[in-house]
Protein backbone atom coordinates (compact mmCIF):
# COMPACT_ATOMS: atom_id res chain seq x y z
CA UNK A 1 0.00 0.00 0.00
CA UNK A 2 1.54 3.30 -1.15
CA UNK A 3 0.07 6.63 -0.01
CA UNK A 4 0.50 9.95 -1.84
CA UNK A 5 -0.74 13.48 -1.25
CA UNK A 6 -1.80 16.18 -3.68
CA UNK A 7 -3.97 19.26 -4.06
CA UNK A 8 -7.75 18.85 -4.10
CA UNK A 9 -9.63 20.24 -7.09
CA UNK A 10 -13.08 18.78 -6.38
CA UNK A 11 -14.20 16.71 -3.43
CA UNK A 12 -15.34 13.12 -3.36
CA UNK A 13 -14.24 9.60 -2.51
CA UNK A 14 -13.80 6.82 -5.07
CA UNK A 15 -12.18 3.42 -5.42
CA UNK A 16 -11.58 1.52 -8.64
CA UNK A 17 -9.02 0.16 -11.08
CA UNK A 18 -6.42 2.52 -12.51
CA UNK A 19 -6.47 3.54 -16.13
CA UNK A 20 -3.24 5.37 -17.01
CA UNK A 21 -3.33 7.83 -19.90
CA UNK A 22 0.06 7.20 -21.46
CA UNK A 23 1.97 9.21 -24.06
CA UNK A 24 1.85 6.98 -27.11
CA UNK A 25 3.52 9.48 -29.41
CA UNK A 26 1.89 12.21 -31.37
CA UNK A 27 0.57 10.13 -34.25
CA UNK A 28 1.20 13.13 -36.53
CA UNK A 29 3.32 13.29 -39.66
CA UNK A 30 5.94 15.62 -38.20
CA UNK A 31 9.46 16.46 -39.34
CA UNK A 32 8.57 16.36 -43.04
CA UNK A 33 9.93 19.57 -44.65
CA UNK A 34 8.19 21.15 -47.62
CA UNK A 35 9.89 23.37 -50.17
CA UNK A 36 8.21 23.01 -53.56
CA UNK A 37 5.65 25.80 -54.21
CA UNK A 38 2.82 23.36 -54.93
CA UNK A 39 3.54 21.45 -51.70
CA UNK A 40 3.58 24.69 -49.72
CA UNK A 41 0.20 25.59 -51.19
CA UNK A 42 -1.13 22.13 -50.35
CA UNK A 43 -0.07 22.48 -46.71
CA UNK A 44 -1.62 25.94 -46.50
CA UNK A 45 -4.91 24.55 -47.79
CA UNK A 46 -4.73 21.67 -45.30
CA UNK A 47 -4.13 24.17 -42.50
CA UNK A 48 -7.10 26.34 -43.49
CA UNK A 49 -9.39 23.34 -43.81
CA UNK A 50 -8.30 22.03 -40.40
CA UNK A 51 -8.87 25.40 -38.73
CA UNK A 52 -12.36 25.71 -40.20
CA UNK A 53 -13.20 22.12 -39.21
CA UNK A 54 -11.95 22.82 -35.69
CA UNK A 55 -14.15 25.90 -35.40
CA UNK A 56 -17.18 23.78 -36.28
CA UNK A 57 -16.11 21.17 -33.74
CA UNK A 58 -15.72 23.88 -31.11
CA UNK A 59 -19.32 24.93 -31.65
CA UNK A 60 -20.29 21.41 -30.63
CA UNK A 61 -17.93 21.55 -27.65
CA UNK A 62 -19.52 24.80 -26.49
CA UNK A 63 -22.90 23.07 -26.52
CA UNK A 64 -21.59 19.89 -24.88
CA UNK A 65 -19.86 21.89 -22.15
CA UNK A 66 -22.99 23.90 -21.46
CA UNK A 67 -25.10 20.74 -21.22
CA UNK A 68 -22.61 18.74 -19.16
CA UNK A 69 -21.35 21.41 -16.83
CA UNK A 70 -23.20 24.70 -17.31
CA UNK A 71 -22.76 28.16 -18.79
CA UNK A 72 -19.30 28.86 -17.31
CA UNK A 73 -17.91 25.68 -18.86
CA UNK A 74 -19.32 26.65 -22.25
CA UNK A 75 -17.57 30.00 -22.01
CA UNK A 76 -14.19 28.27 -21.71
CA UNK A 77 -14.60 26.72 -25.16
CA UNK A 78 -16.16 29.84 -26.59
CA UNK A 79 -12.94 31.59 -25.59
CA UNK A 80 -10.98 28.84 -27.40
CA UNK A 81 -12.92 29.53 -30.56
CA UNK A 82 -12.38 33.28 -30.25
CA UNK A 83 -8.62 32.66 -30.02
CA UNK A 84 -8.76 30.48 -33.13
CA UNK A 85 -10.87 33.13 -34.89
CA UNK A 86 -8.17 35.71 -34.20
CA UNK A 87 -5.34 36.48 -36.59
CA UNK A 88 -2.36 35.46 -34.45
CA UNK A 89 -2.74 31.66 -34.50
CA UNK A 90 -3.54 31.47 -38.20
CA UNK A 91 -0.87 33.98 -39.28
CA UNK A 92 1.93 32.34 -37.31
CA UNK A 93 1.02 28.86 -38.54
CA UNK A 94 0.97 30.08 -42.14
CA UNK A 95 4.38 31.74 -41.61
CA UNK A 96 5.81 28.44 -40.33
CA UNK A 97 4.69 26.77 -43.56
CA UNK A 98 5.70 29.52 -45.99
CA UNK A 99 9.04 30.61 -44.47
CA UNK A 100 9.87 27.69 -42.19
CA UNK A 101 9.12 25.05 -44.82
CA UNK A 102 7.11 23.04 -42.28
CA UNK A 103 4.19 20.80 -43.01
CA UNK A 104 0.84 21.73 -41.47
CA UNK A 105 1.28 19.45 -38.45
CA UNK A 106 4.66 20.88 -37.48
CA UNK A 107 3.39 24.40 -38.10
CA UNK A 108 0.47 23.89 -35.68
CA UNK A 109 2.72 22.33 -33.03
CA UNK A 110 5.23 25.16 -33.35
CA UNK A 111 2.50 27.81 -33.25
CA UNK A 112 0.89 26.26 -30.17
CA UNK A 113 4.18 26.18 -28.27
CA UNK A 114 5.23 29.70 -29.26
CA UNK A 115 1.91 31.20 -28.18
CA UNK A 116 1.72 29.05 -25.04
CA UNK A 117 5.23 30.10 -24.02
CA UNK A 118 4.08 33.72 -23.83
CA UNK A 119 1.71 32.68 -21.04
CA UNK A 120 4.27 30.34 -19.43
CA UNK A 121 6.68 33.24 -18.97
CA UNK A 122 4.29 35.52 -17.07
CA UNK A 123 4.44 35.94 -13.28
CA UNK A 124 0.68 35.70 -12.88
CA UNK A 125 -0.43 32.14 -12.03
CA UNK A 126 -3.83 32.55 -13.68
CA UNK A 127 -2.25 33.72 -16.95
CA UNK A 128 0.27 30.86 -16.84
CA UNK A 129 -2.62 28.42 -16.71
CA UNK A 130 -3.95 29.82 -19.99
CA UNK A 131 -0.97 28.23 -21.76
CA UNK A 132 -2.83 24.92 -21.61
CA UNK A 133 -5.79 26.52 -23.39
CA UNK A 134 -3.54 27.38 -26.34
CA UNK A 135 -2.07 23.87 -26.35
CA UNK A 136 -5.60 22.50 -26.31
CA UNK A 137 -6.50 24.57 -29.37
CA UNK A 138 -3.42 23.25 -31.16
CA UNK A 139 -4.40 19.69 -30.18
CA UNK A 140 -7.84 20.17 -31.72
CA UNK A 141 -6.38 21.49 -34.99
CA UNK A 142 -3.95 18.58 -35.09
CA UNK A 143 -6.86 16.18 -34.63
CA UNK A 144 -8.53 17.79 -37.64
CA UNK A 145 -5.32 17.27 -39.65
CA UNK A 146 -5.11 13.59 -38.78
CA UNK A 147 -5.72 10.81 -41.21
CA UNK A 148 -8.32 9.25 -38.93
CA UNK A 149 -8.23 5.97 -40.79
CA UNK A 150 -4.61 5.54 -39.88
CA UNK A 151 -4.50 6.82 -36.32
CA UNK A 152 -5.98 5.05 -33.32
CA UNK A 153 -7.20 7.38 -30.59
CA UNK A 154 -5.90 6.74 -27.09
CA UNK A 155 -9.21 6.49 -25.23
CA UNK A 156 -10.02 5.08 -21.82
CA UNK A 157 -11.69 1.69 -21.52
CA UNK A 158 -15.47 1.65 -21.16
CA UNK A 159 -15.53 0.47 -17.55
CA UNK A 160 -15.56 2.44 -14.27
CA UNK A 161 -11.99 3.49 -13.48
CA UNK A 162 -9.70 6.01 -11.81
CA UNK A 163 -8.07 8.08 -14.56
CA UNK A 164 -4.38 8.78 -13.91
CA UNK A 165 -2.45 11.12 -16.21
CA UNK A 166 0.59 13.36 -16.33
CA UNK A 167 -1.75 16.29 -17.03
CA UNK A 168 -5.02 17.00 -18.82
CA UNK A 169 -6.12 19.71 -21.21
CA UNK A 170 -9.62 21.23 -21.02
CA UNK A 171 -10.85 19.47 -24.15
CA UNK A 172 -9.62 16.13 -22.83
CA UNK A 173 -11.66 16.61 -19.65
CA UNK A 174 -14.78 17.51 -21.60
CA UNK A 175 -14.38 14.40 -23.77
CA UNK A 176 -14.29 12.06 -20.76
CA UNK A 177 -17.06 9.51 -20.27
CA UNK A 178 -18.49 10.83 -17.00
CA UNK A 179 -20.30 7.56 -16.35
CA UNK A 180 -17.02 5.62 -16.20
CA UNK A 181 -14.52 8.13 -14.78
CA UNK A 182 -14.80 7.73 -11.01
CA UNK A 183 -12.01 10.20 -10.21
CA UNK A 184 -9.02 11.95 -11.79
CA UNK A 185 -5.45 12.01 -10.49
CA UNK A 186 -2.73 14.00 -12.28
CA UNK A 187 1.00 14.36 -11.65
CA UNK A 188 1.13 17.95 -12.90
CA UNK A 189 -1.55 20.63 -13.07
CA UNK A 190 -3.00 23.14 -10.66
CA UNK A 191 -6.32 23.90 -9.02
CA UNK A 192 -6.81 27.00 -11.20
CA UNK A 193 -6.40 25.41 -14.63
CA UNK A 194 -9.42 25.22 -16.90
CA UNK A 195 -9.10 21.43 -16.88
CA UNK A 196 -9.43 21.50 -13.10
CA UNK A 197 -12.31 23.96 -13.22
CA UNK A 198 -14.16 21.74 -15.70
CA UNK A 199 -13.63 18.63 -13.57
CA UNK A 200 -15.06 20.52 -10.61
CA UNK A 201 -18.07 21.67 -12.65
CA UNK A 202 -18.62 18.10 -13.84
CA UNK A 203 -18.51 16.89 -10.23
CA UNK A 204 -15.57 14.53 -10.82
CA UNK A 205 -13.37 14.03 -7.73
CA UNK A 206 -9.93 15.27 -8.74
CA UNK A 207 -6.49 15.64 -7.16
CA UNK A 208 -3.53 17.32 -8.89
CA UNK A 209 0.21 17.59 -8.13
CA UNK A 210 0.46 13.96 -7.00
CA UNK A 211 4.09 12.67 -7.27
CA UNK A 212 3.39 9.40 -9.11
CA UNK A 213 5.65 7.53 -11.52
CA UNK A 214 3.24 6.54 -14.28
CA UNK A 215 5.66 3.96 -15.67
CA UNK A 216 5.34 1.97 -12.44
CA UNK A 217 1.53 1.86 -12.41
CA UNK A 218 -0.18 -0.95 -14.31
CA UNK A 219 -3.68 -0.54 -15.66
CA UNK A 220 -6.10 -2.27 -13.32
CA UNK A 221 -4.13 -1.49 -10.15
CA UNK A 222 -6.65 -0.79 -7.32
CA UNK A 223 -6.67 2.90 -6.40
CA UNK A 224 -8.38 4.64 -3.47
CA UNK A 225 -8.96 8.38 -3.94
CA UNK A 226 -10.06 10.58 -1.06
CA UNK A 227 -10.19 14.00 -2.69
CA UNK A 228 -11.69 15.45 0.50
CA UNK A 229 -8.33 14.81 2.16
CA UNK A 230 -6.13 15.17 -0.96
CA UNK A 231 -5.07 11.53 -0.60
CA UNK A 232 -4.32 8.82 -3.17
CA UNK A 233 -3.51 5.21 -2.22
CA UNK A 234 -2.27 2.60 -4.67
CA UNK A 235 -3.14 -1.02 -3.88
CA UNK A 236 -4.90 -0.20 -0.57
CA UNK A 237 -5.64 -3.04 1.83
CA UNK A 238 -9.22 -3.90 2.73
CA UNK A 239 -8.92 -2.88 6.40
CA UNK A 240 -7.80 0.63 5.49
CA UNK A 241 -10.72 1.18 3.11
CA UNK A 242 -13.23 -0.06 5.68
CA UNK A 243 -11.78 2.20 8.36
CA UNK A 244 -11.81 5.18 6.00
CA UNK A 245 -15.48 4.68 5.18
CA UNK A 246 -16.41 4.30 8.86
CA UNK A 247 -14.77 7.63 9.68
CA UNK A 248 -16.74 9.45 6.96
CA UNK A 249 -18.90 12.42 7.91
CA UNK A 250 -21.73 11.06 10.13
CA UNK A 251 -24.00 13.97 9.12
CA UNK A 252 -23.77 12.97 5.48
CA UNK A 253 -24.46 9.34 6.42
CA UNK A 254 -27.63 10.43 8.22
CA UNK A 255 -28.74 12.40 5.17
CA UNK A 256 -28.17 9.43 2.90
CA UNK A 257 -30.59 7.45 5.10
CA UNK A 258 -33.32 9.85 3.92
CA UNK A 259 -33.15 8.55 0.36
CA UNK A 260 -36.44 6.93 -0.55
CA UNK A 261 -38.32 8.70 2.27
CA UNK A 262 -41.44 10.70 1.53
CA UNK A 263 -41.08 14.42 2.28
CA UNK A 264 -43.70 14.90 5.01
CA UNK A 265 -43.71 17.55 7.74
CA UNK A 266 -44.29 16.91 11.45
CA UNK A 267 -47.98 17.69 11.00
CA UNK A 268 -48.29 15.18 8.16
CA UNK A 269 -48.22 17.66 5.26
CA UNK A 270 -46.68 16.17 2.09
CA UNK A 271 -44.72 18.34 -0.33
CA UNK A 272 -43.08 17.24 -3.58
CA UNK A 273 -39.34 17.98 -3.46
CA UNK A 274 -37.99 18.65 -6.95
CA UNK A 275 -34.63 19.88 -8.26
CA UNK A 276 -33.61 22.79 -10.49
CA UNK A 277 -30.99 21.81 -13.07
CA UNK A 278 -29.04 23.35 -15.94
CA UNK A 279 -26.86 20.45 -17.11
CA UNK A 280 -26.40 16.69 -17.27
CA UNK A 281 -24.12 16.95 -14.22
CA UNK A 282 -26.92 18.65 -12.29
CA UNK A 283 -29.28 15.86 -13.32
CA UNK A 284 -26.84 13.26 -12.04
CA UNK A 285 -26.66 15.08 -8.69
CA UNK A 286 -30.44 15.34 -8.55
CA UNK A 287 -30.84 11.60 -9.13
CA UNK A 288 -28.12 10.76 -6.60
CA UNK A 289 -29.81 12.96 -3.99
CA UNK A 290 -33.22 11.38 -4.63
CA UNK A 291 -35.05 14.37 -6.08
CA UNK A 292 -38.68 13.40 -6.63
CA UNK A 293 -38.61 15.10 -10.01
CA UNK A 294 -37.13 18.02 -11.93
CA UNK A 295 -39.07 21.21 -11.38
CA UNK A 296 -36.98 23.34 -13.72
CA UNK A 297 -34.51 22.55 -16.50
CA UNK A 298 -33.03 25.80 -17.78
CA UNK A 299 -32.94 24.99 -21.49
CA UNK A 300 -31.63 28.43 -22.50
CA UNK A 301 -28.09 27.40 -21.51
CA UNK A 302 -28.01 25.30 -24.68
CA UNK A 303 -28.47 28.52 -26.66
CA UNK A 304 -26.07 30.82 -24.81
CA UNK A 305 -22.36 31.29 -25.49
CA UNK A 306 -22.75 30.28 -29.14
CA UNK A 307 -22.59 32.03 -32.50
CA UNK A 308 -25.62 30.12 -33.80
CA UNK A 309 -28.48 28.19 -32.14
CA UNK A 310 -28.31 24.46 -31.44
CA UNK A 311 -30.03 22.29 -34.01
CA UNK A 312 -33.24 20.39 -33.35
CA UNK A 313 -31.29 17.12 -33.28
CA UNK A 314 -28.77 18.48 -30.76
CA UNK A 315 -31.59 19.54 -28.45
CA UNK A 316 -33.42 16.24 -28.93
CA UNK A 317 -30.31 14.31 -27.88
CA UNK A 318 -30.03 16.34 -24.67
CA UNK A 319 -33.72 16.03 -23.77
CA UNK A 320 -33.69 12.29 -24.46
CA UNK A 321 -30.60 11.81 -22.28
CA UNK A 322 -32.12 13.79 -19.40
CA UNK A 323 -35.37 11.86 -19.59
CA UNK A 324 -33.47 8.58 -19.59
CA UNK A 325 -31.44 9.60 -16.54
CA UNK A 326 -34.59 10.71 -14.70
CA UNK A 327 -36.24 7.30 -15.07
CA UNK A 328 -40.00 7.50 -14.34
CA UNK A 329 -39.91 10.89 -12.61
CA UNK A 330 -41.16 14.11 -14.14
CA UNK A 331 -38.83 16.40 -16.09
CA UNK A 332 -40.03 20.00 -16.41
CA UNK A 333 -38.31 21.84 -19.24
CA UNK A 334 -38.56 25.61 -19.28
CA UNK A 335 -38.69 26.70 -22.90
CA UNK A 336 -35.99 29.08 -24.03
CA UNK A 337 -35.85 32.05 -21.64
CA UNK A 338 -34.06 34.94 -23.31
CA UNK A 339 -33.98 38.70 -22.92
CA UNK A 340 -32.93 40.81 -19.97
CA UNK A 341 -29.45 39.66 -18.97
CA UNK A 342 -29.70 36.54 -21.21
CA UNK A 343 -28.42 37.85 -24.51
CA UNK A 344 -27.96 35.81 -27.69
CA UNK A 345 -25.65 37.09 -30.41
CA UNK A 346 -27.99 35.76 -33.10
CA UNK A 347 -31.37 36.89 -31.69
CA UNK A 348 -32.42 40.47 -31.02
CA UNK A 349 -35.07 40.31 -28.28
CA UNK A 350 -36.18 43.91 -28.88
CA UNK A 351 -36.35 44.64 -25.18
CA UNK A 352 -38.69 41.70 -24.49
CA UNK A 353 -38.18 38.88 -22.00
CA UNK A 354 -39.12 35.26 -21.56
CA UNK A 355 -42.02 33.90 -23.59
CA UNK A 356 -42.60 37.22 -25.36
CA UNK A 357 -38.96 37.29 -26.54
CA UNK A 358 -38.97 33.67 -27.74
CA UNK A 359 -42.23 34.22 -29.63
CA UNK A 360 -40.44 37.01 -31.52
CA UNK A 361 -38.07 34.28 -32.73
CA UNK A 362 -40.67 31.65 -33.51
CA UNK A 363 -38.21 29.53 -35.51
CA UNK A 364 -36.11 28.98 -32.36
CA UNK A 365 -39.14 28.07 -30.26
CA UNK A 366 -40.61 25.82 -32.95
CA UNK A 367 -37.31 23.91 -33.29
CA UNK A 368 -37.15 23.43 -29.53
CA UNK A 369 -40.77 22.30 -29.36
CA UNK A 370 -40.17 19.71 -32.09
CA UNK A 371 -37.17 18.35 -30.16
CA UNK A 372 -39.26 18.17 -26.98
CA UNK A 373 -42.16 16.33 -28.63
CA UNK A 374 -39.79 13.79 -30.19
CA UNK A 375 -38.02 13.22 -26.87
CA UNK A 376 -41.27 12.89 -24.91
CA UNK A 377 -41.49 9.21 -25.86
CA UNK A 378 -38.64 8.45 -23.45
CA UNK A 379 -40.00 9.71 -20.14
CA UNK A 380 -42.43 11.93 -18.21
CA UNK A 381 -42.00 15.30 -19.85
CA UNK A 382 -43.80 18.55 -19.19
CA UNK A 383 -42.94 22.04 -20.42
CA UNK A 384 -43.49 25.51 -19.03
CA UNK A 385 -43.25 28.96 -20.52
CA UNK A 386 -41.00 31.56 -18.83
CA UNK A 387 -41.81 35.06 -17.63
CA UNK A 388 -45.35 35.28 -19.03
CA UNK A 389 -47.15 38.61 -18.81
CA UNK A 390 -50.57 37.87 -20.29
CA UNK A 391 -52.93 35.24 -21.64
CA UNK A 392 -52.39 36.25 -25.27
CA UNK A 393 -48.76 35.07 -25.12
CA UNK A 394 -49.73 31.72 -23.61
CA UNK A 395 -52.54 31.16 -26.11
CA UNK A 396 -50.13 31.81 -28.97
CA UNK A 397 -47.50 29.46 -27.50
CA UNK A 398 -50.07 26.72 -26.85
CA UNK A 399 -51.31 27.06 -30.41
CA UNK A 400 -47.76 26.74 -31.77
CA UNK A 401 -47.15 23.69 -29.59
CA UNK A 402 -50.39 22.08 -30.79
CA UNK A 403 -49.34 22.68 -34.39
CA UNK A 404 -45.93 21.09 -33.74
CA UNK A 405 -47.53 18.02 -32.14
CA UNK A 406 -49.95 17.67 -35.05
CA UNK A 407 -47.12 17.83 -37.60
CA UNK A 408 -45.25 15.08 -35.72
CA UNK A 409 -48.31 12.87 -35.24
CA UNK A 410 -47.21 10.34 -37.85
CA UNK A 411 -43.75 10.16 -36.27
CA UNK A 412 -44.43 10.00 -32.52
CA UNK A 413 -48.16 9.38 -32.35
CA UNK A 414 -50.50 11.18 -29.97
CA UNK A 415 -48.54 12.40 -26.93
CA UNK A 416 -49.72 14.15 -23.78
CA UNK A 417 -47.32 16.83 -22.54
CA UNK A 418 -48.61 19.14 -19.78
CA UNK A 419 -47.97 22.83 -20.47
CA UNK A 420 -47.38 25.18 -17.56
CA UNK A 421 -46.46 28.81 -17.01
CA UNK A 422 -44.00 30.62 -14.78
CA UNK A 423 -45.29 33.45 -12.59
CA UNK A 424 -42.29 35.77 -12.29
CA UNK A 425 -43.66 39.30 -12.30
CA UNK A 426 -46.35 41.34 -10.60
CA UNK A 427 -48.32 41.69 -13.83
CA UNK A 428 -48.74 37.92 -14.10
CA UNK A 429 -49.96 37.76 -10.49
CA UNK A 430 -52.51 40.50 -11.15
CA UNK A 431 -53.71 38.68 -14.29
CA UNK A 432 -53.73 35.21 -12.73
CA UNK A 433 -57.47 34.67 -13.34
CA UNK A 434 -57.09 35.09 -17.10
CA UNK A 435 -53.89 32.99 -17.19
CA UNK A 436 -55.13 29.93 -15.29
CA UNK A 437 -57.48 28.56 -18.00
CA UNK A 438 -54.50 28.25 -20.38
CA UNK A 439 -52.07 26.40 -18.06
CA UNK A 440 -51.97 22.84 -16.72
CA UNK A 441 -49.76 23.84 -13.78
CA UNK A 442 -47.89 26.86 -12.39
CA UNK A 443 -44.37 27.53 -11.16
CA UNK A 444 -43.62 30.68 -9.17
CA UNK A 445 -40.12 32.00 -9.93
CA UNK A 446 -39.33 33.87 -6.73
CA UNK A 447 -36.07 35.47 -7.89
CA UNK A 448 -37.61 37.61 -10.63
CA UNK A 449 -40.87 38.09 -8.75
CA UNK A 450 -38.93 39.47 -5.76
CA UNK A 451 -37.02 41.87 -8.01
CA UNK A 452 -40.18 43.09 -9.73
CA UNK A 453 -42.17 43.40 -6.51
CA UNK A 454 -39.53 45.31 -4.54
CA UNK A 455 -37.95 47.22 -7.43
CA UNK A 456 -34.44 45.77 -7.12
CA UNK A 457 -32.11 44.11 -9.63
CA UNK A 458 -31.04 40.47 -9.65
CA UNK A 459 -27.60 41.31 -8.26
CA UNK A 460 -28.78 43.28 -5.24
CA UNK A 461 -28.51 42.00 -1.69
CA UNK A 462 -32.26 41.51 -1.28
CA UNK A 463 -32.06 40.87 2.46
CA UNK A 464 -30.31 44.19 2.94
CA UNK A 465 -32.91 46.12 0.92
CA UNK A 466 -36.24 44.48 1.80
CA UNK A 467 -37.62 45.68 5.13
CA UNK A 468 -40.88 43.71 5.41
CA UNK A 469 -39.33 40.24 5.86
CA UNK A 470 -40.81 39.29 2.48
CA UNK A 471 -44.40 39.63 3.74
CA UNK A 472 -45.63 41.06 0.42
CA UNK A 473 -43.92 38.26 -1.47
CA UNK A 474 -45.51 35.55 0.64
CA UNK A 475 -48.89 37.25 0.28
CA UNK A 476 -48.51 37.11 -3.50
CA UNK A 477 -47.48 33.45 -3.40
CA UNK A 478 -50.47 32.60 -1.20
CA UNK A 479 -52.82 34.46 -3.55
CA UNK A 480 -51.53 32.55 -6.60
CA UNK A 481 -51.70 29.17 -4.83
CA UNK A 482 -55.26 29.85 -3.60
CA UNK A 483 -56.47 30.79 -7.08
CA UNK A 484 -54.66 27.84 -8.70
CA UNK A 485 -56.10 25.31 -6.25
CA UNK A 486 -59.61 26.66 -6.89
CA UNK A 487 -58.95 25.88 -10.56
CA UNK A 488 -57.55 22.44 -9.61
CA UNK A 489 -54.02 23.37 -10.74
CA UNK A 490 -50.84 22.57 -8.80
CA UNK A 491 -48.17 25.12 -7.93
CA UNK A 492 -44.41 24.74 -7.56
CA UNK A 493 -42.08 27.26 -5.92
CA UNK A 494 -38.57 27.73 -7.29
CA UNK A 495 -35.88 30.34 -6.82
CA UNK A 496 -33.44 31.10 -4.04
CA UNK A 497 -36.06 31.50 -1.32
CA UNK A 498 -37.28 27.92 -1.91
CA UNK A 499 -33.84 26.67 -0.79
CA UNK A 500 -33.59 28.90 2.28
CA UNK A 501 -34.64 26.73 5.18
CA UNK A 502 -35.46 29.71 7.42
CA UNK A 503 -38.43 30.34 5.10
CA UNK A 504 -39.55 26.74 4.50
CA UNK A 505 -42.32 26.77 7.11
CA UNK A 506 -43.75 29.97 5.63
CA UNK A 507 -43.68 28.43 2.15
CA UNK A 508 -45.50 25.35 3.45
CA UNK A 509 -48.10 27.66 5.00
CA UNK A 510 -48.93 28.95 1.51
CA UNK A 511 -50.00 25.35 0.71
CA UNK A 512 -47.78 25.20 -2.38
CA UNK A 513 -47.60 21.66 -3.74
CA UNK A 514 -43.91 21.51 -4.55
CA UNK A 515 -40.55 23.09 -3.68
CA UNK A 516 -37.90 22.99 -6.40
CA UNK A 517 -34.35 23.53 -5.12
CA UNK A 518 -30.72 23.01 -6.11
CA UNK A 519 -29.71 19.31 -6.31
CA UNK A 520 -27.29 19.66 -3.39
CA UNK A 521 -30.15 20.95 -1.20
CA UNK A 522 -32.55 18.03 -1.68
CA UNK A 523 -31.58 15.86 1.29
CA UNK A 524 -30.90 18.85 3.53
CA UNK A 525 -34.37 20.21 2.75
CA UNK A 526 -36.02 16.81 3.26
CA UNK A 527 -34.34 16.51 6.65
CA UNK A 528 -35.49 20.02 7.58
CA UNK A 529 -39.13 19.42 6.55
CA UNK A 530 -39.37 15.99 8.18
CA UNK A 531 -37.76 16.99 11.47
CA UNK A 532 -38.38 20.71 11.93
CA UNK A 533 -41.44 21.90 9.98
CA UNK A 534 -45.05 21.50 11.08
């Protein structure tokens, strides 16, 4: 048993067989000089084609990152594309071919190292870490230059394993099979690299700066990773593992015992406890923490941080995957919510927000609706429209959805997909009577409703501004729930206040049917309701 220490990137404990990512050589046709004019021109064309192909691939990576790990992850790869779109990378690579008589592969390698070295030489740690971003861009262009029929990719086996590597680039992290990578251990790297940040966003336990000799580790070697303690053990004995598990946090163990329990208060009041998600990683956390359903999937993150919208097929693949992960529990997808601080480069919202803004771009909404209807065959799907202000918007959206379902009747058959609305502004509360006939269920978005009610922006410290202890907000919530129940419609509460346990009893007093909170809050909230709320 050999014990090593490193720096924790993301917490978690895992045990499994090692899979070592080894350097098997570049696989690129390097060291081949070019001098004839026609060969130089050929290499320049190959370079341009590879760069354009890489830019298209990066569009997909932006989407994948947003789905797997959220908006911040997508922005990492959007930055990669912006670098590749710039003049410096392309100009230097072309110079290496024209004046340096290099082939395209050598030109890309040389360009990547020259540009990365500029970051390596800075005193700022954050800027030094950006060198790996440049190397990652070069790696992607080299992949586009490969003769794929003649190069075998070095990919991890399709079984659960502990990935051990000298270092990882951001794109390599994003390409990992999250279902099979139990944890990551690297010899080099830092906690501030984009690779580390992505691993953290994807909820993969990771430790960096671990002094391992990769040549001495055989694939399949048992590895115990305790990222909470920054500890890696090769070939651990059974007694050590058992002792380590027994000394785990007793509070967490008690919370885990709540899995499978119904969420019922001390007075016997049941409330559905759902999760808010924005990515596949969030869905995995929600399932692990026994969320009773998904009360809000923020689908707009698939559209943000891109130069063009995701295709219908891309969206369908995401919805189908989420429904499959959620088994027989409900998945509530909020249709694209744009406007306000959610800006798309390819869609002018004309000062509108939410449903009104998406109806101005009917082609985006129609494409999303088609993807949703197609995916609905694979689970319990319902949709809801964001930031509605009046019945006319909802009627128009319902009509569009009915048209989409009719057009897909021969493909998917007759499907039943409940359609709800989000109450997120005072106007919607005041017009609740005219809205209710057009909705199957309601969700109250407390973040925006709080801002609209109290006249503050989303980035204000609400607690420091609001002086009525949210009495007006709770009055509005109670009014909406009362009206909805009279119409035999259920109401869910989402937003920050739904996760704040000091307000849970007051939310239960409104008789709302469901609380939808962050995945990490599910078991904590269940414990609070079961043991402390009447």
